[in-house]
Amino acid sequence: MLFRSSPIQSWSFEFMLVQTSEKSKQSNLDDSGFTCLALLCTDLETHLLEYRQSYDLKSTCPFEITPHNKRLKITLIRGINQEPIELIEMQR
């Protein structure tokens, strides 16, 4: 069981990882349903560097968007099993 506390309490989560021998299809962001785990972070560049060094993961270059007047810096990562993961840093 994994539990991560969020700066926004209602966004905290817990989930269980189960190892399987089944091969899952590669998920893409434009697939239907929830296709990606999005993680808030305080320093996107540092976390991205750590992930790249520790796991040799592929990622996009960080980019900024401003939905609802909230500036966000985002990068997309392909996880160890090719799952898409979003890292999001709220900009001030």
N, C-alpha and C. Protein backbone atom coordinates (compact mmCIF):
# COMPACT_ATOMS: atom_id res chain seq x y z
N MET A 1 0.86 -1.18 0.00
CA MET A 1 0.00 0.00 0.00
C MET A 1 0.90 1.23 0.00
N LEU A 2 0.56 2.19 -0.85
CA LEU A 2 1.31 3.43 -0.94
C LEU A 2 0.36 4.57 -0.62
N PHE A 3 0.81 5.49 0.23
CA PHE A 3 0.01 6.67 0.56
C PHE A 3 0.87 7.89 0.33
N ARG A 4 0.34 8.86 -0.38
CA ARG A 4 1.03 10.12 -0.60
C ARG A 4 0.16 11.25 -0.10
N SER A 5 0.73 12.09 0.73
CA SER A 5 0.01 13.24 1.25
C SER A 5 0.19 14.40 0.29
N SER A 6 -0.88 15.10 0.02
CA SER A 6 -0.87 16.22 -0.91
C SER A 6 -0.94 17.54 -0.15
N PRO A 7 -0.43 18.63 -0.74
CA PRO A 7 -0.62 19.94 -0.11
C PRO A 7 -2.10 20.30 -0.05
N ILE A 8 -2.89 19.70 -0.91
CA ILE A 8 -4.34 19.88 -0.89
C ILE A 8 -4.93 18.57 -0.37
N GLN A 9 -5.39 18.54 0.86
CA GLN A 9 -5.78 17.31 1.55
C GLN A 9 -6.74 16.45 0.74
N SER A 10 -7.70 17.06 0.07
CA SER A 10 -8.68 16.26 -0.68
C SER A 10 -8.06 15.60 -1.92
N TRP A 11 -6.82 15.95 -2.26
CA TRP A 11 -6.14 15.35 -3.41
C TRP A 11 -5.18 14.24 -2.99
N SER A 12 -5.11 13.90 -1.71
CA SER A 12 -4.25 12.82 -1.26
C SER A 12 -4.80 11.50 -1.78
N PHE A 13 -3.94 10.50 -1.87
CA PHE A 13 -4.40 9.22 -2.41
C PHE A 13 -3.65 8.07 -1.77
N GLU A 14 -4.23 6.90 -1.90
CA GLU A 14 -3.52 5.69 -1.57
C GLU A 14 -3.91 4.64 -2.60
N PHE A 15 -2.96 3.81 -2.96
CA PHE A 15 -3.26 2.75 -3.91
C PHE A 15 -2.31 1.59 -3.68
N MET A 16 -2.67 0.44 -4.23
CA MET A 16 -1.89 -0.76 -4.05
C MET A 16 -1.34 -1.18 -5.41
N LEU A 17 -0.06 -1.48 -5.46
CA LEU A 17 0.57 -1.97 -6.67
C LEU A 17 0.62 -3.49 -6.60
N VAL A 18 0.19 -4.13 -7.67
CA VAL A 18 0.18 -5.59 -7.71
C VAL A 18 0.99 -6.04 -8.91
N GLN A 19 1.94 -6.92 -8.67
CA GLN A 19 2.77 -7.42 -9.76
C GLN A 19 1.98 -8.46 -10.55
N THR A 20 2.09 -8.40 -11.86
CA THR A 20 1.39 -9.34 -12.72
C THR A 20 2.30 -9.74 -13.87
N SER A 21 2.04 -10.89 -14.44
CA SER A 21 2.82 -11.32 -15.60
C SER A 21 2.14 -10.90 -16.90
N GLU A 22 0.92 -10.35 -16.79
CA GLU A 22 0.19 -9.91 -17.98
C GLU A 22 0.85 -8.68 -18.58
N LYS A 23 0.88 -8.64 -19.89
CA LYS A 23 1.41 -7.47 -20.60
C LYS A 23 0.26 -6.52 -20.86
N SER A 24 0.36 -5.29 -20.35
CA SER A 24 -0.71 -4.32 -20.59
C SER A 24 -0.38 -3.50 -21.82
N LYS A 25 -1.43 -2.99 -22.46
CA LYS A 25 -1.20 -2.16 -23.65
C LYS A 25 -0.68 -0.80 -23.20
N GLN A 26 0.09 -0.17 -24.05
CA GLN A 26 0.63 1.15 -23.73
C GLN A 26 -0.50 2.17 -23.68
N SER A 27 -0.58 2.91 -22.61
CA SER A 27 -1.59 3.94 -22.43
C SER A 27 -1.11 5.24 -23.05
N ASN A 28 -2.03 5.96 -23.68
CA ASN A 28 -1.73 7.27 -24.26
C ASN A 28 -2.66 8.31 -23.65
N LEU A 29 -2.23 9.56 -23.62
CA LEU A 29 -3.02 10.61 -22.99
C LEU A 29 -4.38 10.81 -23.64
N ASP A 30 -4.49 10.52 -24.94
CA ASP A 30 -5.77 10.74 -25.61
C ASP A 30 -6.67 9.50 -25.60
N ASP A 31 -6.30 8.45 -24.86
CA ASP A 31 -7.19 7.30 -24.66
C ASP A 31 -8.36 7.74 -23.79
N SER A 32 -9.44 6.98 -23.80
CA SER A 32 -10.59 7.32 -22.95
C SER A 32 -10.30 6.95 -21.50
N GLY A 33 -10.95 7.65 -20.58
CA GLY A 33 -10.79 7.38 -19.15
C GLY A 33 -9.58 8.07 -18.55
N PHE A 34 -9.20 7.64 -17.35
CA PHE A 34 -8.03 8.20 -16.67
C PHE A 34 -6.80 7.47 -17.18
N THR A 35 -5.96 8.16 -17.91
CA THR A 35 -4.84 7.52 -18.60
C THR A 35 -3.48 7.84 -18.00
N CYS A 36 -3.45 8.70 -16.99
CA CYS A 36 -2.18 9.23 -16.54
C CYS A 36 -2.24 9.57 -15.05
N LEU A 37 -1.15 9.34 -14.35
CA LEU A 37 -1.02 9.77 -12.97
C LEU A 37 -0.35 11.14 -12.99
N ALA A 38 -0.96 12.14 -12.37
CA ALA A 38 -0.40 13.49 -12.30
C ALA A 38 0.07 13.74 -10.88
N LEU A 39 1.31 14.17 -10.74
CA LEU A 39 1.90 14.42 -9.43
C LEU A 39 2.29 15.88 -9.30
N LEU A 40 1.85 16.52 -8.21
CA LEU A 40 2.28 17.89 -7.91
C LEU A 40 3.67 17.82 -7.29
N CYS A 41 4.53 18.75 -7.68
CA CYS A 41 5.85 18.80 -7.07
C CYS A 41 6.22 20.26 -6.81
N THR A 42 7.20 20.46 -5.96
CA THR A 42 7.61 21.81 -5.60
C THR A 42 8.77 22.32 -6.45
N ASP A 43 9.51 21.40 -7.07
CA ASP A 43 10.66 21.79 -7.90
C ASP A 43 10.76 20.81 -9.06
N LEU A 44 10.06 21.10 -10.13
CA LEU A 44 9.95 20.19 -11.26
C LEU A 44 11.32 19.83 -11.85
N GLU A 45 12.18 20.80 -12.03
CA GLU A 45 13.49 20.54 -12.65
C GLU A 45 14.31 19.54 -11.83
N THR A 46 14.31 19.70 -10.51
CA THR A 46 15.07 18.79 -9.64
C THR A 46 14.48 17.39 -9.67
N HIS A 47 13.16 17.28 -9.56
CA HIS A 47 12.52 15.96 -9.59
C HIS A 47 12.73 15.27 -10.94
N LEU A 48 12.64 16.02 -12.01
CA LEU A 48 12.85 15.46 -13.34
C LEU A 48 14.27 14.93 -13.48
N LEU A 49 15.25 15.68 -13.02
CA LEU A 49 16.64 15.23 -13.07
C LEU A 49 16.83 13.95 -12.26
N GLU A 50 16.23 13.87 -11.07
CA GLU A 50 16.33 12.67 -10.23
C GLU A 50 15.72 11.46 -10.95
N TYR A 51 14.54 11.64 -11.55
CA TYR A 51 13.90 10.53 -12.26
C TYR A 51 14.75 10.07 -13.44
N ARG A 52 15.30 11.02 -14.19
CA ARG A 52 16.11 10.66 -15.35
C ARG A 52 17.37 9.91 -14.93
N GLN A 53 18.01 10.35 -13.85
CA GLN A 53 19.24 9.69 -13.39
C GLN A 53 18.97 8.33 -12.77
N SER A 54 17.89 8.22 -12.00
CA SER A 54 17.59 6.98 -11.29
C SER A 54 17.01 5.90 -12.19
N TYR A 55 16.18 6.31 -13.14
CA TYR A 55 15.43 5.32 -13.91
C TYR A 55 15.65 5.41 -15.42
N ASP A 56 16.44 6.35 -15.89
CA ASP A 56 16.68 6.52 -17.32
C ASP A 56 15.37 6.60 -18.10
N LEU A 57 14.46 7.48 -17.62
CA LEU A 57 13.14 7.61 -18.23
C LEU A 57 13.16 8.67 -19.32
N LYS A 58 12.29 8.49 -20.30
CA LYS A 58 12.12 9.49 -21.35
C LYS A 58 11.10 10.51 -20.88
N SER A 59 11.32 11.78 -21.26
CA SER A 59 10.38 12.83 -20.87
C SER A 59 10.36 13.94 -21.90
N THR A 60 9.33 14.76 -21.83
CA THR A 60 9.28 15.97 -22.64
C THR A 60 10.09 17.05 -21.94
N CYS A 61 10.41 18.10 -22.66
CA CYS A 61 10.99 19.28 -22.02
C CYS A 61 9.87 19.96 -21.23
N PRO A 62 10.18 20.53 -20.07
CA PRO A 62 9.14 21.23 -19.31
C PRO A 62 8.53 22.37 -20.14
N PHE A 63 7.22 22.54 -19.99
CA PHE A 63 6.52 23.62 -20.68
C PHE A 63 5.55 24.27 -19.71
N GLU A 64 5.12 25.49 -20.02
CA GLU A 64 4.20 26.21 -19.14
C GLU A 64 2.86 26.41 -19.81
N ILE A 65 1.80 26.28 -19.03
CA ILE A 65 0.44 26.59 -19.47
C ILE A 65 -0.24 27.40 -18.37
N THR A 66 -1.32 28.09 -18.70
CA THR A 66 -2.02 28.92 -17.72
C THR A 66 -3.53 28.67 -17.79
N PRO A 67 -4.01 27.54 -17.25
CA PRO A 67 -5.46 27.33 -17.21
C PRO A 67 -6.08 28.10 -16.05
N HIS A 68 -7.20 28.78 -16.26
CA HIS A 68 -7.91 29.52 -15.21
C HIS A 68 -7.00 30.47 -14.46
N ASN A 69 -6.11 31.14 -15.17
CA ASN A 69 -5.18 32.12 -14.59
C ASN A 69 -4.22 31.52 -13.56
N LYS A 70 -3.96 30.22 -13.64
CA LYS A 70 -2.99 29.56 -12.76
C LYS A 70 -1.83 29.08 -13.63
N ARG A 71 -0.65 29.66 -13.39
CA ARG A 71 0.52 29.25 -14.18
C ARG A 71 1.05 27.91 -13.68
N LEU A 72 1.21 26.97 -14.59
CA LEU A 72 1.72 25.65 -14.27
C LEU A 72 2.91 25.32 -15.16
N LYS A 73 3.92 24.71 -14.58
CA LYS A 73 5.02 24.15 -15.36
C LYS A 73 4.80 22.63 -15.35
N ILE A 74 4.86 22.02 -16.52
CA ILE A 74 4.50 20.60 -16.65
C ILE A 74 5.55 19.88 -17.48
N THR A 75 5.79 18.63 -17.15
CA THR A 75 6.55 17.73 -18.01
C THR A 75 5.85 16.38 -18.01
N LEU A 76 5.95 15.68 -19.09
CA LEU A 76 5.37 14.35 -19.22
C LEU A 76 6.49 13.33 -19.27
N ILE A 77 6.33 12.25 -18.52
CA ILE A 77 7.35 11.21 -18.41
C ILE A 77 6.72 9.89 -18.83
N ARG A 78 7.50 9.03 -19.46
CA ARG A 78 7.11 7.64 -19.68
C ARG A 78 7.75 6.84 -18.56
N GLY A 79 6.91 6.18 -17.76
CA GLY A 79 7.40 5.41 -16.62
C GLY A 79 8.12 4.14 -17.04
N ILE A 80 8.54 3.37 -16.08
CA ILE A 80 9.30 2.14 -16.30
C ILE A 80 8.54 1.17 -17.20
N ASN A 81 7.23 1.11 -17.06
CA ASN A 81 6.39 0.23 -17.88
C ASN A 81 5.69 1.00 -19.00
N GLN A 82 6.26 2.14 -19.37
CA GLN A 82 5.76 3.00 -20.45
C GLN A 82 4.45 3.72 -20.11
N GLU A 83 4.08 3.77 -18.83
CA GLU A 83 2.88 4.50 -18.43
C GLU A 83 3.17 5.99 -18.43
N PRO A 84 2.21 6.82 -18.87
CA PRO A 84 2.43 8.27 -18.85
C PRO A 84 2.24 8.84 -17.44
N ILE A 85 3.15 9.72 -17.05
CA ILE A 85 3.10 10.39 -15.76
C ILE A 85 3.32 11.87 -16.00
N GLU A 86 2.50 12.70 -15.36
CA GLU A 86 2.65 14.16 -15.45
C GLU A 86 3.27 14.67 -14.16
N LEU A 87 4.29 15.49 -14.26
CA LEU A 87 4.80 16.24 -13.10
C LEU A 87 4.34 17.67 -13.28
N ILE A 88 3.74 18.23 -12.22
CA ILE A 88 3.16 19.57 -12.30
C ILE A 88 3.70 20.42 -11.15
N GLU A 89 4.25 21.58 -11.50
CA GLU A 89 4.69 22.55 -10.50
C GLU A 89 3.86 23.82 -10.67
N MET A 90 3.24 24.26 -9.58
CA MET A 90 2.48 25.51 -9.61
C MET A 90 3.45 26.67 -9.54
N GLN A 91 3.34 27.60 -10.49
CA GLN A 91 4.22 28.77 -10.55
C GLN A 91 3.61 29.92 -9.77
N ARG A 92 4.44 30.78 -9.21
CA ARG A 92 3.94 31.94 -8.47
C ARG A 92 4.00 33.16 -9.35
